[in-house]
Amino acid sequence: MLVLPASWRLHLPLMPSLRLGSCDRHGQPQVCRALAADALADGRMLVLLAPHTAPRVVAALRETGQAA
């Protein structure tokens, strides 16, 4: 399991704007604005987005399980 570096977790609350990206199974990039993000205790990152405004990103995440 990949985890966020400690320095990134410290700066996460200070970021006014976040983007979430993924690629679909055909390699097409999809990007949206994230509503909020937080670092979890185990080092992973929780990102909230509105699925109705970013259906292609949600579909790509479901297809590949990869986020950037």
PDB file of N, CA and C in Angstrom:
ATOM      1  N   MET A   1       0.833  -1.172   0.000  1.00  0.00           N
ATOM      2  CA  MET A   1       0.000   0.000   0.000  1.00  0.00           C
ATOM      3  C   MET A   1       0.885   1.245   0.000  1.00  0.00           C
ATOM      4  N   LEU A   2       0.568   2.168  -0.889  1.00  0.00           N
ATOM      5  CA  LEU A   2       1.293   3.435  -0.936  1.00  0.00           C
ATOM      6  C   LEU A   2       0.725   4.385   0.103  1.00  0.00           C
ATOM      7  N   VAL A   3       1.600   5.170   0.713  1.00  0.00           N
ATOM      8  CA  VAL A   3       1.163   6.166   1.691  1.00  0.00           C
ATOM      9  C   VAL A   3       1.741   7.522   1.313  1.00  0.00           C
ATOM     10  N   LEU A   4       1.089   8.569   1.791  1.00  0.00           N
ATOM     11  CA  LEU A   4       1.575   9.925   1.546  1.00  0.00           C
ATOM     12  C   LEU A   4       2.819  10.184   2.382  1.00  0.00           C
ATOM     13  N   PRO A   5       3.809  10.872   1.817  1.00  0.00           N
ATOM     14  CA  PRO A   5       4.961  11.264   2.629  1.00  0.00           C
ATOM     15  C   PRO A   5       4.508  12.194   3.758  1.00  0.00           C
ATOM     16  N   ALA A   6       5.197  12.136   4.872  1.00  0.00           N
ATOM     17  CA  ALA A   6       4.817  12.936   6.046  1.00  0.00           C
ATOM     18  C   ALA A   6       4.756  14.426   5.719  1.00  0.00           C
ATOM     19  N   SER A   7       5.688  14.919   4.918  1.00  0.00           N
ATOM     20  CA  SER A   7       5.690  16.351   4.589  1.00  0.00           C
ATOM     21  C   SER A   7       4.436  16.740   3.798  1.00  0.00           C
ATOM     22  N   TRP A   8       3.935  15.855   2.954  1.00  0.00           N
ATOM     23  CA  TRP A   8       2.710  16.139   2.193  1.00  0.00           C
ATOM     24  C   TRP A   8       1.512  16.187   3.136  1.00  0.00           C
ATOM     25  N   ARG A   9       1.469  15.268   4.099  1.00  0.00           N
ATOM     26  CA  ARG A   9       0.342  15.246   5.046  1.00  0.00           C
ATOM     27  C   ARG A   9       0.268  16.539   5.846  1.00  0.00           C
ATOM     28  N   LEU A  10       1.422  17.121   6.184  1.00  0.00           N
ATOM     29  CA  LEU A  10       1.438  18.370   6.936  1.00  0.00           C
ATOM     30  C   LEU A  10       0.849  19.523   6.135  1.00  0.00           C
ATOM     31  N   HIS A  11       1.057  19.520   4.829  1.00  0.00           N
ATOM     32  CA  HIS A  11       0.614  20.631   3.983  1.00  0.00           C
ATOM     33  C   HIS A  11      -0.797  20.443   3.424  1.00  0.00           C
ATOM     34  N   LEU A  12      -1.342  19.273   3.534  1.00  0.00           N
ATOM     35  CA  LEU A  12      -2.652  18.987   2.960  1.00  0.00           C
ATOM     36  C   LEU A  12      -3.745  19.958   3.416  1.00  0.00           C
ATOM     37  N   PRO A  13      -3.863  20.280   4.715  1.00  0.00           N
ATOM     38  CA  PRO A  13      -4.921  21.204   5.129  1.00  0.00           C
ATOM     39  C   PRO A  13      -4.747  22.625   4.591  1.00  0.00           C
ATOM     40  N   LEU A  14      -3.559  22.976   4.146  1.00  0.00           N
ATOM     41  CA  LEU A  14      -3.287  24.325   3.666  1.00  0.00           C
ATOM     42  C   LEU A  14      -3.581  24.510   2.186  1.00  0.00           C
ATOM     43  N   MET A  15      -3.869  23.435   1.483  1.00  0.00           N
ATOM     44  CA  MET A  15      -4.077  23.512   0.040  1.00  0.00           C
ATOM     45  C   MET A  15      -5.489  24.001  -0.270  1.00  0.00           C
ATOM     46  N   PRO A  16      -5.602  25.182  -0.905  1.00  0.00           N
ATOM     47  CA  PRO A  16      -6.933  25.725  -1.188  1.00  0.00           C
ATOM     48  C   PRO A  16      -7.646  25.041  -2.353  1.00  0.00           C
ATOM     49  N   SER A  17      -6.904  24.414  -3.234  1.00  0.00           N
ATOM     50  CA  SER A  17      -7.512  23.786  -4.400  1.00  0.00           C
ATOM     51  C   SER A  17      -6.770  22.499  -4.722  1.00  0.00           C
ATOM     52  N   LEU A  18      -7.521  21.447  -4.920  1.00  0.00           N
ATOM     53  CA  LEU A  18      -6.932  20.146  -5.226  1.00  0.00           C
ATOM     54  C   LEU A  18      -7.560  19.586  -6.489  1.00  0.00           C
ATOM     55  N   ARG A  19      -6.781  18.908  -7.263  1.00  0.00           N
ATOM     56  CA  ARG A  19      -7.266  18.224  -8.454  1.00  0.00           C
ATOM     57  C   ARG A  19      -7.066  16.733  -8.264  1.00  0.00           C
ATOM     58  N   LEU A  20      -7.987  15.960  -8.785  1.00  0.00           N
ATOM     59  CA  LEU A  20      -7.877  14.506  -8.748  1.00  0.00           C
ATOM     60  C   LEU A  20      -7.879  14.017 -10.188  1.00  0.00           C
ATOM     61  N   GLY A  21      -6.951  13.171 -10.515  1.00  0.00           N
ATOM     62  CA  GLY A  21      -6.859  12.656 -11.871  1.00  0.00           C
ATOM     63  C   GLY A  21      -6.776  11.146 -11.896  1.00  0.00           C
ATOM     64  N   SER A  22      -7.151  10.594 -13.017  1.00  0.00           N
ATOM     65  CA  SER A  22      -7.047   9.165 -13.258  1.00  0.00           C
ATOM     66  C   SER A  22      -7.029   8.962 -14.764  1.00  0.00           C
ATOM     67  N   CYS A  23      -6.650   7.789 -15.178  1.00  0.00           N
ATOM     68  CA  CYS A  23      -6.727   7.422 -16.591  1.00  0.00           C
ATOM     69  C   CYS A  23      -7.669   6.235 -16.715  1.00  0.00           C
ATOM     70  N   ASP A  24      -8.474   6.238 -17.761  1.00  0.00           N
ATOM     71  CA  ASP A  24      -9.374   5.107 -17.971  1.00  0.00           C
ATOM     72  C   ASP A  24      -8.599   3.925 -18.535  1.00  0.00           C
ATOM     73  N   ARG A  25      -9.263   2.833 -18.788  1.00  0.00           N
ATOM     74  CA  ARG A  25      -8.559   1.622 -19.244  1.00  0.00           C
ATOM     75  C   ARG A  25      -7.931   1.775 -20.623  1.00  0.00           C
ATOM     76  N   HIS A  26      -8.298   2.849 -21.341  1.00  0.00           N
ATOM     77  CA  HIS A  26      -7.713   3.128 -22.650  1.00  0.00           C
ATOM     78  C   HIS A  26      -6.579   4.146 -22.559  1.00  0.00           C
ATOM     79  N   GLY A  27      -6.254   4.563 -21.336  1.00  0.00           N
ATOM     80  CA  GLY A  27      -5.168   5.507 -21.137  1.00  0.00           C
ATOM     81  C   GLY A  27      -5.559   6.961 -21.289  1.00  0.00           C
ATOM     82  N   GLN A  28      -6.850   7.244 -21.424  1.00  0.00           N
ATOM     83  CA  GLN A  28      -7.315   8.622 -21.560  1.00  0.00           C
ATOM     84  C   GLN A  28      -7.338   9.286 -20.185  1.00  0.00           C
ATOM     85  N   PRO A  29      -6.643  10.415 -20.028  1.00  0.00           N
ATOM     86  CA  PRO A  29      -6.638  11.087 -18.733  1.00  0.00           C
ATOM     87  C   PRO A  29      -7.968  11.773 -18.437  1.00  0.00           C
ATOM     88  N   GLN A  30      -8.343  11.759 -17.176  1.00  0.00           N
ATOM     89  CA  GLN A  30      -9.546  12.433 -16.693  1.00  0.00           C
ATOM     90  C   GLN A  30      -9.155  13.196 -15.433  1.00  0.00           C
ATOM     91  N   VAL A  31      -9.601  14.427 -15.316  1.00  0.00           N
ATOM     92  CA  VAL A  31      -9.233  15.267 -14.183  1.00  0.00           C
ATOM     93  C   VAL A  31     -10.464  16.023 -13.692  1.00  0.00           C
ATOM     94  N   CYS A  32     -10.548  16.232 -12.370  1.00  0.00           N
ATOM     95  CA  CYS A  32     -11.619  17.043 -11.801  1.00  0.00           C
ATOM     96  C   CYS A  32     -11.096  17.785 -10.583  1.00  0.00           C
ATOM     97  N   ARG A  33     -11.879  18.718 -10.128  1.00  0.00           N
ATOM     98  CA  ARG A  33     -11.558  19.438  -8.904  1.00  0.00           C
ATOM     99  C   ARG A  33     -12.105  18.645  -7.730  1.00  0.00           C
ATOM    100  N   ALA A  34     -11.264  18.413  -6.750  1.00  0.00           N
ATOM    101  CA  ALA A  34     -11.692  17.718  -5.540  1.00  0.00           C
ATOM    102  C   ALA A  34     -12.359  18.721  -4.600  1.00  0.00           C
ATOM    103  N   LEU A  35     -13.370  18.266  -3.882  1.00  0.00           N
ATOM    104  CA  LEU A  35     -14.071  19.128  -2.932  1.00  0.00           C
ATOM    105  C   LEU A  35     -13.293  19.278  -1.629  1.00  0.00           C
ATOM    106  N   ALA A  36     -12.658  18.194  -1.199  1.00  0.00           N
ATOM    107  CA  ALA A  36     -11.891  18.204   0.047  1.00  0.00           C
ATOM    108  C   ALA A  36     -10.963  17.001   0.063  1.00  0.00           C
ATOM    109  N   ALA A  37      -9.968  17.077   0.912  1.00  0.00           N
ATOM    110  CA  ALA A  37      -9.041  15.955   1.065  1.00  0.00           C
ATOM    111  C   ALA A  37      -8.511  15.958   2.493  1.00  0.00           C
ATOM    112  N   ASP A  38      -8.171  14.784   2.967  1.00  0.00           N
ATOM    113  CA  ASP A  38      -7.621  14.650   4.309  1.00  0.00           C
ATOM    114  C   ASP A  38      -6.701  13.435   4.338  1.00  0.00           C
ATOM    115  N   ALA A  39      -5.719  13.479   5.181  1.00  0.00           N
ATOM    116  CA  ALA A  39      -4.817  12.347   5.364  1.00  0.00           C
ATOM    117  C   ALA A  39      -5.393  11.444   6.450  1.00  0.00           C
ATOM    118  N   LEU A  40      -5.446  10.163   6.183  1.00  0.00           N
ATOM    119  CA  LEU A  40      -5.921   9.194   7.158  1.00  0.00           C
ATOM    120  C   LEU A  40      -4.770   8.771   8.063  1.00  0.00           C
ATOM    121  N   ALA A  41      -5.100   8.229   9.212  1.00  0.00           N
ATOM    122  CA  ALA A  41      -4.081   7.839  10.198  1.00  0.00           C
ATOM    123  C   ALA A  41      -3.084   6.819   9.648  1.00  0.00           C
ATOM    124  N   ASP A  42      -3.535   5.981   8.711  1.00  0.00           N
ATOM    125  CA  ASP A  42      -2.636   4.951   8.169  1.00  0.00           C
ATOM    126  C   ASP A  42      -1.786   5.450   7.010  1.00  0.00           C
ATOM    127  N   GLY A  43      -1.843   6.767   6.700  1.00  0.00           N
ATOM    128  CA  GLY A  43      -1.006   7.344   5.653  1.00  0.00           C
ATOM    129  C   GLY A  43      -1.671   7.456   4.301  1.00  0.00           C
ATOM    130  N   ARG A  44      -2.863   6.881   4.166  1.00  0.00           N
ATOM    131  CA  ARG A  44      -3.571   7.034   2.895  1.00  0.00           C
ATOM    132  C   ARG A  44      -4.249   8.394   2.850  1.00  0.00           C
ATOM    133  N   MET A  45      -4.790   8.738   1.688  1.00  0.00           N
ATOM    134  CA  MET A  45      -5.439  10.027   1.497  1.00  0.00           C
ATOM    135  C   MET A  45      -6.899   9.805   1.136  1.00  0.00           C
ATOM    136  N   LEU A  46      -7.781  10.527   1.806  1.00  0.00           N
ATOM    137  CA  LEU A  46      -9.204  10.495   1.515  1.00  0.00           C
ATOM    138  C   LEU A  46      -9.518  11.730   0.678  1.00  0.00           C
ATOM    139  N   VAL A  47     -10.112  11.530  -0.493  1.00  0.00           N
ATOM    140  CA  VAL A  47     -10.457  12.640  -1.381  1.00  0.00           C
ATOM    141  C   VAL A  47     -11.950  12.581  -1.658  1.00  0.00           C
ATOM    142  N   LEU A  48     -12.609  13.710  -1.470  1.00  0.00           N
ATOM    143  CA  LEU A  48     -14.039  13.804  -1.746  1.00  0.00           C
ATOM    144  C   LEU A  48     -14.259  14.554  -3.051  1.00  0.00           C
ATOM    145  N   LEU A  49     -15.140  14.015  -3.868  1.00  0.00           N
ATOM    146  CA  LEU A  49     -15.505  14.696  -5.110  1.00  0.00           C
ATOM    147  C   LEU A  49     -16.985  14.477  -5.366  1.00  0.00           C
ATOM    148  N   ALA A  50     -17.537  15.302  -6.206  1.00  0.00           N
ATOM    149  CA  ALA A  50     -18.954  15.195  -6.539  1.00  0.00           C
ATOM    150  C   ALA A  50     -19.095  14.328  -7.788  1.00  0.00           C
ATOM    151  N   PRO A  51     -19.606  13.104  -7.641  1.00  0.00           N
ATOM    152  CA  PRO A  51     -19.664  12.196  -8.789  1.00  0.00           C
ATOM    153  C   PRO A  51     -20.508  12.729  -9.946  1.00  0.00           C
ATOM    154  N   HIS A  52     -21.524  13.524  -9.655  1.00  0.00           N
ATOM    155  CA  HIS A  52     -22.363  14.043 -10.746  1.00  0.00           C
ATOM    156  C   HIS A  52     -21.652  15.118 -11.565  1.00  0.00           C
ATOM    157  N   THR A  53     -20.592  15.727 -11.005  1.00  0.00           N
ATOM    158  CA  THR A  53     -19.842  16.724 -11.768  1.00  0.00           C
ATOM    159  C   THR A  53     -18.571  16.146 -12.398  1.00  0.00           C
ATOM    160  N   ALA A  54     -18.234  14.928 -12.033  1.00  0.00           N
ATOM    161  CA  ALA A  54     -17.009  14.306 -12.548  1.00  0.00           C
ATOM    162  C   ALA A  54     -17.238  12.834 -12.880  1.00  0.00           C
ATOM    163  N   PRO A  55     -18.254  12.518 -13.677  1.00  0.00           N
ATOM    164  CA  PRO A  55     -18.551  11.104 -13.928  1.00  0.00           C
ATOM    165  C   PRO A  55     -17.427  10.357 -14.640  1.00  0.00           C
ATOM    166  N   ARG A  56     -16.672  11.036 -15.483  1.00  0.00           N
ATOM    167  CA  ARG A  56     -15.582  10.349 -16.193  1.00  0.00           C
ATOM    168  C   ARG A  56     -14.438   9.995 -15.247  1.00  0.00           C
ATOM    169  N   VAL A  57     -14.167  10.866 -14.286  1.00  0.00           N
ATOM    170  CA  VAL A  57     -13.127  10.568 -13.301  1.00  0.00           C
ATOM    171  C   VAL A  57     -13.561   9.390 -12.438  1.00  0.00           C
ATOM    172  N   VAL A  58     -14.799   9.410 -11.992  1.00  0.00           N
ATOM    173  CA  VAL A  58     -15.317   8.314 -11.168  1.00  0.00           C
ATOM    174  C   VAL A  58     -15.252   7.001 -11.942  1.00  0.00           C
ATOM    175  N   ALA A  59     -15.644   7.030 -13.209  1.00  0.00           N
ATOM    176  CA  ALA A  59     -15.596   5.813 -14.032  1.00  0.00           C
ATOM    177  C   ALA A  59     -14.153   5.321 -14.183  1.00  0.00           C
ATOM    178  N   ALA A  60     -13.219   6.239 -14.420  1.00  0.00           N
ATOM    179  CA  ALA A  60     -11.813   5.848 -14.570  1.00  0.00           C
ATOM    180  C   ALA A  60     -11.275   5.261 -13.273  1.00  0.00           C
ATOM    181  N   LEU A  61     -11.639   5.857 -12.144  1.00  0.00           N
ATOM    182  CA  LEU A  61     -11.187   5.322 -10.850  1.00  0.00           C
ATOM    183  C   LEU A  61     -11.728   3.924 -10.616  1.00  0.00           C
ATOM    184  N   ARG A  62     -12.965   3.709 -10.985  1.00  0.00           N
ATOM    185  CA  ARG A  62     -13.559   2.371 -10.821  1.00  0.00           C
ATOM    186  C   ARG A  62     -12.907   1.356 -11.762  1.00  0.00           C
ATOM    187  N   GLU A  63     -12.559   1.793 -12.969  1.00  0.00           N
ATOM    188  CA  GLU A  63     -11.956   0.878 -13.949  1.00  0.00           C
ATOM    189  C   GLU A  63     -10.544   0.473 -13.560  1.00  0.00           C
ATOM    190  N   THR A  64      -9.742   1.449 -13.110  1.00  0.00           N
ATOM    191  CA  THR A  64      -8.316   1.192 -12.915  1.00  0.00           C
ATOM    192  C   THR A  64      -7.869   1.171 -11.468  1.00  0.00           C
ATOM    193  N   GLY A  65      -8.620   1.836 -10.580  1.00  0.00           N
ATOM    194  CA  GLY A  65      -8.209   1.911  -9.186  1.00  0.00           C
ATOM    195  C   GLY A  65      -6.991   2.791  -8.969  1.00  0.00           C
ATOM    196  N   GLN A  66      -6.662   3.638  -9.951  1.00  0.00           N
ATOM    197  CA  GLN A  66      -5.490   4.488  -9.849  1.00  0.00           C
ATOM    198  C   GLN A  66      -5.881   5.948  -9.837  1.00  0.00           C
ATOM    199  N   ALA A  67      -5.213   6.701  -8.971  1.00  0.00           N
ATOM    200  CA  ALA A  67      -5.476   8.131  -8.864  1.00  0.00           C
ATOM    201  C   ALA A  67      -4.153   8.881  -8.841  1.00  0.00           C
ATOM    202  N   ALA A  68      -4.213  10.133  -9.264  1.00  0.00           N
ATOM    203  CA  ALA A  68      -3.037  11.001  -9.234  1.00  0.00           C
ATOM    204  C   ALA A  68      -3.456  12.372  -8.774  1.00  0.00           C
TER     205      ALA A  68
END
